[in-house]
Protein backbone atom coordinates (compact mmCIF):
# COMPACT_ATOMS: atom_id res chain seq x y z
CA MET A 1 -13.77 -27.92 2.91
CA SER A 2 -15.92 -27.00 -0.05
CA GLU A 3 -15.28 -28.81 -3.30
CA ARG A 4 -15.57 -25.42 -4.97
CA TYR A 5 -12.20 -24.39 -3.58
CA ALA A 6 -9.00 -24.82 -5.55
CA ILE A 7 -7.03 -26.10 -2.53
CA THR A 8 -7.58 -28.01 0.72
CA PRO A 9 -5.78 -28.04 4.08
CA ASP A 10 -4.00 -31.20 2.93
CA ASP A 11 -2.56 -29.27 -0.01
CA VAL A 12 -1.15 -26.70 2.39
CA ALA A 13 0.26 -29.45 4.61
CA ARG A 14 2.02 -31.01 1.62
CA ALA A 15 3.34 -27.61 0.58
CA ALA A 16 4.83 -27.16 4.04
CA GLY A 17 6.86 -30.31 3.51
CA THR A 18 7.84 -29.30 -0.02
CA ILE A 19 9.21 -25.87 0.86
CA ARG A 20 10.98 -26.96 4.05
CA GLY A 21 14.66 -26.25 3.62
CA HIS A 22 14.08 -24.01 0.60
CA VAL A 23 12.58 -20.99 2.36
CA LEU A 24 13.03 -19.54 5.82
CA ARG A 25 10.62 -20.47 8.59
CA THR A 26 10.29 -16.87 9.62
CA PRO A 27 9.84 -15.88 13.26
CA LEU A 28 6.56 -14.73 14.78
CA VAL A 29 7.74 -11.91 17.01
CA PRO A 30 5.86 -10.15 19.84
CA ALA A 31 5.59 -6.42 19.17
CA PRO A 32 5.07 -4.66 22.52
CA ARG A 33 5.43 -1.13 21.14
CA LEU A 34 2.96 -1.80 18.32
CA SER A 35 0.66 -3.33 20.93
CA GLU A 36 0.86 -0.18 23.02
CA LEU A 37 0.18 1.92 19.92
CA THR A 38 -2.87 -0.03 18.75
CA GLY A 39 -4.46 -1.36 21.93
CA ALA A 40 -4.18 -4.97 20.71
CA ARG A 41 -1.66 -7.67 21.62
CA VAL A 42 0.30 -7.75 18.37
CA LEU A 43 2.58 -10.46 17.00
CA VAL A 44 4.35 -9.96 13.67
CA LYS A 45 5.22 -12.67 11.14
CA HIS A 46 8.42 -11.36 9.54
CA GLU A 47 8.22 -12.53 5.93
CA ASN A 48 10.49 -9.60 5.04
CA MET A 49 13.32 -11.86 6.24
CA GLN A 50 13.06 -14.20 3.24
CA ALA A 51 16.02 -14.22 0.83
CA THR A 52 14.22 -11.99 -1.66
CA GLY A 53 12.51 -9.94 1.04
CA ALA A 54 8.94 -11.22 0.72
CA PHE A 55 6.54 -14.14 1.22
CA LYS A 56 6.29 -14.88 -2.50
CA GLU A 57 9.07 -17.47 -2.27
CA ARG A 58 6.75 -19.96 -0.59
CA GLY A 59 4.33 -20.20 -3.50
CA ALA A 60 7.10 -20.02 -6.07
CA VAL A 61 9.00 -22.95 -4.55
CA ASN A 62 5.87 -25.07 -4.25
CA ARG A 63 4.91 -24.41 -7.89
CA LEU A 64 8.40 -24.95 -9.30
CA SER A 65 8.79 -28.18 -7.33
CA ALA A 66 5.66 -29.57 -9.03
CA LEU A 67 7.14 -29.31 -12.54
CA ASP A 68 7.84 -32.56 -14.36
CA PRO A 69 11.24 -33.09 -16.08
CA ASP A 70 9.99 -31.91 -19.48
CA GLU A 71 8.50 -28.74 -17.98
CA ARG A 72 11.74 -28.03 -16.13
CA ARG A 73 13.65 -28.34 -19.40
CA ARG A 74 11.30 -25.96 -21.23
CA GLY A 75 11.34 -23.40 -18.44
CA VAL A 76 8.85 -21.07 -16.79
CA VAL A 77 7.46 -17.61 -17.38
CA ALA A 78 5.96 -15.21 -14.85
CA MET A 79 4.54 -11.69 -15.06
CA SER A 80 5.31 -9.38 -12.19
CA ALA A 81 6.67 -5.94 -11.37
CA GLY A 82 8.13 -6.90 -8.04
CA ASN A 83 8.33 -9.61 -5.42
CA HIS A 84 6.87 -12.51 -7.42
CA ALA A 85 9.37 -11.83 -10.19
CA GLN A 86 12.32 -12.01 -7.84
CA ALA A 87 11.02 -15.10 -6.02
CA VAL A 88 10.51 -17.08 -9.24
CA ALA A 89 13.85 -15.95 -10.67
CA TYR A 90 15.78 -16.73 -7.49
CA HIS A 91 14.42 -20.23 -6.92
CA ALA A 92 14.31 -21.17 -10.60
CA ARG A 93 18.06 -20.56 -10.75
CA ARG A 94 18.56 -22.63 -7.59
CA MET A 95 16.65 -25.51 -9.20
CA GLY A 96 18.29 -25.19 -12.63
CA ILE A 97 15.08 -24.11 -14.36
CA PRO A 98 15.21 -21.44 -17.11
CA ALA A 99 13.03 -18.48 -16.14
CA THR A 100 11.61 -15.62 -18.18
CA ILE A 101 10.00 -12.72 -16.36
CA VAL A 102 7.74 -10.28 -18.19
CA MET A 103 7.66 -6.89 -16.48
CA PRO A 104 5.90 -3.67 -17.47
CA ALA A 105 8.21 -1.21 -19.20
CA THR A 106 7.47 1.23 -16.38
CA THR A 107 8.99 -1.05 -13.72
CA PRO A 108 11.69 0.78 -11.71
CA LEU A 109 15.16 -0.05 -13.01
CA VAL A 110 16.32 -1.37 -9.63
CA LYS A 111 13.63 -4.10 -9.70
CA VAL A 112 14.49 -5.03 -13.27
CA GLU A 113 18.17 -5.33 -12.43
CA ASN A 114 17.50 -7.30 -9.24
CA THR A 115 15.45 -9.80 -11.26
CA ARG A 116 18.18 -10.11 -13.90
CA ALA A 117 20.74 -10.58 -11.14
CA HIS A 118 18.87 -13.73 -10.10
CA GLY A 119 19.55 -15.19 -13.53
CA ALA A 120 16.21 -14.64 -15.24
CA THR A 121 15.61 -13.35 -18.75
CA VAL A 122 13.65 -10.11 -18.38
CA VAL A 123 11.18 -9.00 -21.06
CA LEU A 124 9.78 -5.47 -20.76
CA GLU A 125 6.29 -5.17 -22.19
CA GLY A 126 3.53 -2.56 -21.99
CA GLU A 127 2.61 -0.01 -19.38
CA THR A 128 0.70 -2.26 -16.98
CA LEU A 129 0.63 -5.82 -15.66
CA VAL A 130 -2.35 -6.53 -17.91
CA GLU A 131 -0.19 -6.02 -20.99
CA ALA A 132 2.69 -7.92 -19.39
CA ALA A 133 0.36 -10.83 -18.67
CA ALA A 134 -0.74 -10.94 -22.31
CA ARG A 135 2.90 -11.22 -23.40
CA ALA A 136 3.55 -13.95 -20.81
CA ARG A 137 0.64 -15.99 -22.13
CA ALA A 138 1.91 -15.49 -25.67
CA LEU A 139 5.26 -16.97 -24.59
CA VAL A 140 3.41 -19.95 -23.15
CA GLU A 141 1.83 -20.53 -26.54
CA SER A 142 4.85 -19.85 -28.73
CA ARG A 143 7.67 -21.39 -26.67
CA GLY A 144 5.91 -23.91 -24.49
CA LEU A 145 6.92 -22.18 -21.26
CA VAL A 146 5.02 -23.01 -18.05
CA LEU A 147 3.17 -20.05 -16.53
CA VAL A 148 3.77 -19.43 -12.82
CA HIS A 149 0.87 -17.14 -11.96
CA PRO A 150 1.42 -14.75 -9.03
CA TYR A 151 -1.79 -15.73 -7.24
CA ASP A 152 -4.37 -17.64 -9.29
CA ASP A 153 -2.60 -21.02 -9.10
CA PRO A 154 -3.42 -23.78 -6.59
CA ALA A 155 0.23 -24.64 -5.88
CA VAL A 156 1.07 -20.97 -5.31
CA MET A 157 -1.94 -20.52 -3.01
CA ALA A 158 -1.03 -23.62 -0.99
CA GLY A 159 2.55 -22.42 -0.63
CA GLN A 160 1.43 -19.06 0.73
CA GLY A 161 -0.92 -20.82 3.16
CA THR A 162 2.06 -22.31 5.02
CA ILE A 163 2.41 -18.92 6.72
CA ALA A 164 -0.79 -19.52 8.69
CA ARG A 165 0.28 -23.04 9.69
CA GLU A 166 3.46 -21.64 11.19
CA MET A 167 1.71 -18.75 12.93
CA LEU A 168 -0.89 -20.96 14.59
CA GLU A 169 1.76 -23.48 15.62
CA ASP A 170 3.89 -20.75 17.20
CA ALA A 171 0.99 -18.86 18.83
CA PRO A 172 -2.11 -21.07 19.28
CA ASP A 173 -3.81 -18.29 21.27
CA LEU A 174 -4.14 -15.93 18.28
CA ASP A 175 -7.63 -14.42 18.02
CA CYS A 176 -7.31 -13.11 14.48
CA LEU A 177 -5.01 -12.86 11.48
CA VAL A 178 -4.74 -9.63 9.50
CA VAL A 179 -3.52 -10.15 5.95
CA PRO A 180 -2.93 -7.80 2.97
CA ILE A 181 -4.93 -8.66 -0.17
CA GLY A 182 -3.80 -8.04 -3.74
CA GLY A 183 -4.76 -10.84 -6.11
CA GLY A 184 -5.75 -12.91 -3.08
CA GLY A 185 -3.26 -15.81 -3.19
CA LEU A 186 -1.87 -15.10 0.28
CA MET A 187 -5.26 -14.49 1.91
CA ALA A 188 -6.88 -17.51 0.26
CA GLY A 189 -4.03 -19.82 1.24
CA ILE A 190 -4.12 -18.57 4.82
CA ALA A 191 -7.91 -18.92 4.97
CA VAL A 192 -7.73 -22.57 3.93
CA ALA A 193 -4.78 -23.31 6.23
CA ALA A 194 -6.65 -21.80 9.20
CA SER A 195 -9.97 -23.49 8.42
CA HIS A 196 -9.50 -25.95 11.34
CA ARG A 197 -9.59 -22.96 13.69
CA PRO A 198 -13.02 -21.32 13.25
CA ASP A 199 -12.32 -19.36 16.44
CA VAL A 200 -9.60 -17.40 14.61
CA ALA A 201 -11.13 -14.46 12.70
CA LEU A 202 -9.60 -13.50 9.37
CA TYR A 203 -9.38 -9.90 8.19
CA GLY A 204 -8.18 -8.82 4.77
CA VAL A 205 -6.72 -5.42 4.00
CA GLU A 206 -6.88 -3.53 0.71
CA ALA A 207 -5.53 -0.13 -0.27
CA ALA A 208 -8.48 2.27 -0.44
CA LEU A 209 -7.48 3.13 -4.01
CA TYR A 210 -7.77 -0.55 -5.04
CA PRO A 211 -10.89 -2.03 -3.35
CA SER A 212 -11.15 -4.82 -5.91
CA PHE A 213 -12.13 -7.66 -3.57
CA LEU A 214 -14.50 -5.52 -1.54
CA ASN A 215 -16.29 -4.53 -4.75
CA ALA A 216 -16.41 -8.14 -5.93
CA ILE A 217 -17.85 -9.33 -2.61
CA ASP A 218 -20.44 -6.65 -1.84
CA GLY A 219 -21.24 -5.60 -5.41
CA GLY A 220 -19.93 -2.09 -4.86
CA ALA A 221 -18.71 0.23 -7.58
CA ARG A 222 -15.91 1.99 -5.72
CA PRO A 223 -13.41 3.55 -8.13
CA ILE A 224 -10.19 1.59 -8.65
CA GLY A 225 -6.84 3.12 -9.55
CA GLY A 226 -4.31 5.76 -8.65
CA PRO A 227 -0.79 6.01 -7.21
CA THR A 228 -0.40 4.06 -3.99
CA LEU A 229 2.52 3.29 -1.68
CA ALA A 230 1.14 -0.25 -1.49
CA GLU A 231 1.81 -1.13 -5.13
CA GLY A 232 2.23 -4.80 -4.20
CA ILE A 233 -1.52 -5.05 -3.55
CA ALA A 234 -2.64 -2.59 -6.23
CA VAL A 235 -4.59 -5.15 -8.25
CA LYS A 236 -7.59 -4.27 -10.41
CA ALA A 237 -8.79 -7.82 -11.19
CA VAL A 238 -9.40 -10.36 -8.40
CA GLY A 239 -8.34 -13.98 -8.72
CA GLN A 240 -10.96 -16.40 -9.98
CA LEU A 241 -9.65 -19.17 -7.72
CA THR A 242 -9.06 -16.94 -4.71
CA LEU A 243 -12.38 -15.05 -4.70
CA PRO A 244 -14.73 -17.82 -3.47
CA ILE A 245 -12.42 -18.68 -0.56
CA ILE A 246 -12.08 -15.06 0.52
CA ARG A 247 -15.81 -14.41 0.08
CA ASP A 248 -16.71 -17.36 2.34
CA ARG A 249 -14.00 -17.26 4.99
CA VAL A 250 -12.84 -13.68 5.54
CA ALA A 251 -14.79 -11.86 8.23
CA GLU A 252 -14.22 -8.37 6.86
CA ILE A 253 -12.05 -6.46 4.40
CA VAL A 254 -10.63 -3.23 5.81
CA LEU A 255 -9.71 -0.38 3.47
CA VAL A 256 -6.69 1.74 4.40
CA ASP A 257 -5.81 5.12 2.93
CA GLU A 258 -2.39 6.43 1.94
CA PRO A 259 -1.58 8.36 5.16
CA GLN A 260 -2.40 5.24 7.20
CA ILE A 261 -0.13 3.10 5.01
CA GLU A 262 2.67 5.67 5.30
CA ARG A 263 2.27 5.79 9.06
CA ALA A 264 2.41 1.98 9.26
CA VAL A 265 5.67 1.89 7.26
CA HIS A 266 7.05 4.52 9.63
CA ASP A 267 5.88 2.68 12.75
CA TYR A 268 7.36 -0.63 11.61
CA ALA A 269 10.71 1.12 11.11
CA THR A 270 10.73 3.11 14.35
CA LEU A 271 8.82 0.87 16.77
CA GLN A 272 9.51 -2.64 15.44
CA ARG A 273 12.91 -1.81 13.90
CA SER A 274 11.88 -3.59 10.70
CA LEU A 275 11.57 -2.57 7.04
CA ALA A 276 8.13 -2.87 5.51
CA GLU A 277 7.08 -1.93 1.99
CA GLY A 278 3.66 -0.34 1.61
CA ALA A 279 1.85 -3.63 0.96
CA GLY A 280 3.78 -5.29 3.79
CA ALA A 281 2.62 -2.62 6.22
CA ALA A 282 -1.05 -2.78 5.20
CA GLY A 283 -2.00 -5.07 8.09
CA LEU A 284 -0.68 -2.63 10.66
CA ALA A 285 -2.40 0.19 8.77
CA ALA A 286 -5.70 -1.66 9.34
CA LEU A 287 -5.09 -1.63 13.09
CA LEU A 288 -4.40 2.10 12.91
CA ALA A 289 -7.54 2.67 10.82
CA ARG A 290 -9.88 0.52 12.94
CA PRO A 291 -8.46 0.29 16.46
CA GLU A 292 -11.88 -0.49 17.95
CA LEU A 293 -12.10 -3.65 15.81
CA PHE A 294 -8.89 -5.12 17.22
CA ALA A 295 -8.70 -3.67 20.74
CA ARG A 296 -7.73 -6.21 23.44
CA ARG A 297 -7.46 -9.03 20.88
CA THR A 298 -4.38 -11.14 20.12
CA VAL A 299 -3.57 -10.20 16.54
CA GLY A 300 -1.20 -11.87 14.10
CA LEU A 301 0.08 -9.46 11.46
CA VAL A 302 1.73 -10.73 8.28
CA LEU A 303 4.55 -8.34 7.37
CA CYS A 304 4.56 -9.82 3.89
CA GLY A 305 7.38 -7.82 2.30
CA GLY A 306 10.15 -5.35 3.01
CA ASN A 307 11.30 -4.32 -0.46
CA ILE A 308 10.94 -0.56 -0.23
CA ASP A 309 13.15 1.84 -2.13
CA ALA A 310 15.55 3.68 0.19
CA ARG A 311 14.60 7.10 -1.17
CA LEU A 312 10.91 6.34 -0.82
CA LEU A 313 11.44 5.17 2.75
CA ALA A 314 13.32 8.38 3.55
CA SER A 315 10.46 10.42 2.10
CA VAL A 316 7.89 8.49 4.15
CA MET A 317 9.87 8.99 7.35
CA VAL A 318 10.20 12.76 6.80
CA ARG A 319 6.53 13.10 5.85
CA GLU A 320 5.52 11.38 9.08
CA LEU A 321 7.71 13.76 11.07
CA GLU A 322 5.89 16.60 9.34
CA ARG A 323 2.50 15.09 10.25
CA GLU A 324 3.65 14.85 13.87
CA ASP A 325 4.74 18.52 13.83
CA ARG A 326 8.31 17.47 14.53
CA ILE A 327 9.43 18.99 11.24
CA VAL A 328 7.80 22.28 10.35
CA SER A 329 8.35 24.94 7.70
CA PHE A 330 7.37 28.58 8.11
CA ARG A 331 7.96 32.00 6.56
CA MET A 332 8.85 35.16 8.45
CA THR A 333 9.10 38.76 7.27
CA ALA A 334 11.72 41.09 8.72
CA SER A 335 13.43 44.38 7.92
CA ASP A 336 16.18 43.94 5.34
CA ARG A 337 19.12 44.84 7.57
CA PRO A 338 22.57 43.23 7.91
CA GLY A 339 22.64 40.47 10.52
CA VAL A 340 18.90 39.70 10.54
CA LEU A 341 19.42 36.12 9.32
CA GLY A 342 22.02 35.46 11.99
CA ARG A 343 19.71 36.90 14.65
CA VAL A 344 16.86 34.61 13.57
CA ALA A 345 19.14 31.54 13.49
CA GLY A 346 20.49 32.34 16.92
CA ARG A 347 17.01 32.83 18.35
CA LEU A 348 15.85 29.48 16.98
CA GLY A 349 18.87 27.82 18.56
CA GLU A 350 18.04 29.41 21.92
CA LEU A 351 14.51 28.04 21.63
CA GLY A 352 15.84 24.50 21.07
CA ALA A 353 15.02 24.15 17.37
CA ASN A 354 17.32 22.35 14.95
CA ILE A 355 17.48 24.23 11.63
CA LEU A 356 17.28 21.85 8.67
CA GLU A 357 16.98 24.38 5.86
CA VAL A 358 16.85 28.15 5.51
CA SER A 359 16.51 30.58 2.60
CA HIS A 360 15.66 34.24 2.27
CA GLY A 361 14.44 36.34 -0.62
CA ARG A 362 13.40 39.83 -1.58
CA LEU A 363 11.30 39.10 -4.66
CA HIS A 364 8.02 37.90 -3.14
CA LEU A 365 5.35 40.43 -4.08
CA ASP A 366 3.61 40.07 -0.71
CA VAL A 367 6.77 41.33 1.05
CA PRO A 368 7.41 45.08 1.37
CA ALA A 369 10.26 46.43 -0.78
CA LYS A 370 12.42 47.18 2.29
CA SER A 371 11.80 43.81 3.91
CA VAL A 372 13.05 40.28 3.41
CA SER A 373 11.21 36.97 3.67
CA ILE A 374 12.95 34.13 5.49
CA ASP A 375 11.80 30.54 4.90
CA VAL A 376 12.92 28.14 7.60
CA THR A 377 12.47 24.39 8.10
CA ILE A 378 13.18 23.23 11.64
CA GLU A 379 13.07 20.02 13.67
CA THR A 380 11.42 20.19 17.08
CA ARG A 381 10.53 17.87 19.95
CA GLY A 382 6.87 17.71 18.93
CA PRO A 383 3.64 19.71 18.54
CA HIS A 384 3.88 21.49 21.93
CA HIS A 385 7.46 22.56 21.29
CA THR A 386 6.56 23.71 17.77
CA GLY A 387 3.67 25.80 19.06
CA GLU A 388 5.89 27.33 21.72
CA ILE A 389 8.53 28.36 19.16
CA LEU A 390 6.01 29.91 16.77
CA ALA A 391 4.35 31.80 19.62
CA ARG A 392 7.67 33.24 20.81
CA LEU A 393 8.58 34.33 17.29
CA SER A 394 5.16 36.01 16.95
CA ASP A 395 5.68 37.85 20.25
CA GLU A 396 8.95 39.18 18.85
CA GLY A 397 7.23 40.61 15.77
CA LEU A 398 8.48 38.07 13.21
CA ASN A 399 4.94 36.89 12.32
CA PRO A 400 5.77 33.27 11.31
CA ARG A 401 3.34 31.70 8.81
CA ARG A 402 3.24 27.96 8.26
CA ILE A 403 4.15 26.90 4.71
CA GLY A 404 4.47 23.61 2.84
CA PRO A 405 7.77 22.14 1.70
CA HIS A 406 7.62 24.10 -1.57
CA GLY A 407 6.82 27.47 -0.02
CA THR A 408 3.04 27.20 -0.33
CA ALA A 409 0.76 28.33 2.46
CA VAL A 410 -0.63 25.61 4.71
CA THR A 411 -4.44 25.62 4.89
CA GLY A 412 -5.64 26.82 8.27
CA SER A 413 -2.27 28.23 9.30
């Protein structure tokens, strides 16, 4: 192990002993339906089963356990908009350590309240994590608090690395590990923990909108920023301690786009019966993006977190049904006569469609004055059934035109 690295395999081994009994030794579960979907033999490490719903507890416990009595008395500070905040707050309370969490003012209220519920003092500062980090460091200086960094801390990295130890103990035949990368603490810890197994290939995954590590490694200038479902790995600045480990030991970093992340969240829910937030689903998204890279290999996926907002999950599920042509919206034009809406609804029922939403109007300028437009959203059995319904409606003179959810025409319809 290079002396340039912040941690060694022995550090990870000690961390495993430190966190035992404080965090869950999560199961590594075979995923036959995901295997069928991707062409790989897939096993999933369910870190979404931790008390706060994510892997961050491992590093938090290891770091908090290393505090001396004076540091425990003074307390800790962390900057985070999500899982790290809740992990530090939860375990600091368990250990009797005062905790202050600095969160961007834009953090969703539910995450702020969840962090407060764990007993931490929450400080809202700035629009981004960069501004929150500046405030956290100011609190270190002014109040003597101990900073618990979300990724660029050797104890945190070693704690996260215990995931790989458990995976390779439970499934020694793994060919590769696929791990989401944000600041790099999880990937770096896993890379060091798995260093005794050079036969196991390591793949990192970044959101395509935040290719920070890929840029840092290959010198690229890919743009960074934008709204992503995988906000847990939406990091603009790579870790100084994590970068050399990831540069040396990760075989490849796979970029995944937003539709692939959404599909992975959907597939975890429907095929694995497990909640995954966007960052937690990034590993599966990599298998969907690059199936040829993982085909016929035994792949360990780290489902690193399951803290997804219920409304966001519902939106993702519906959007995926739309992509699969199992939910479709279309507009028809008919003569404005009594009973026409009932006739259309009855015909859709005969064709086996489930009507989710319907509206009709007379004010669209592209509709003749004596006609009415009818916008319908239906659920079908899939693309073939959808095509069959639209064809039958066309044969009956209703001329259905595909539209988006807000009544806009769909390109190519």
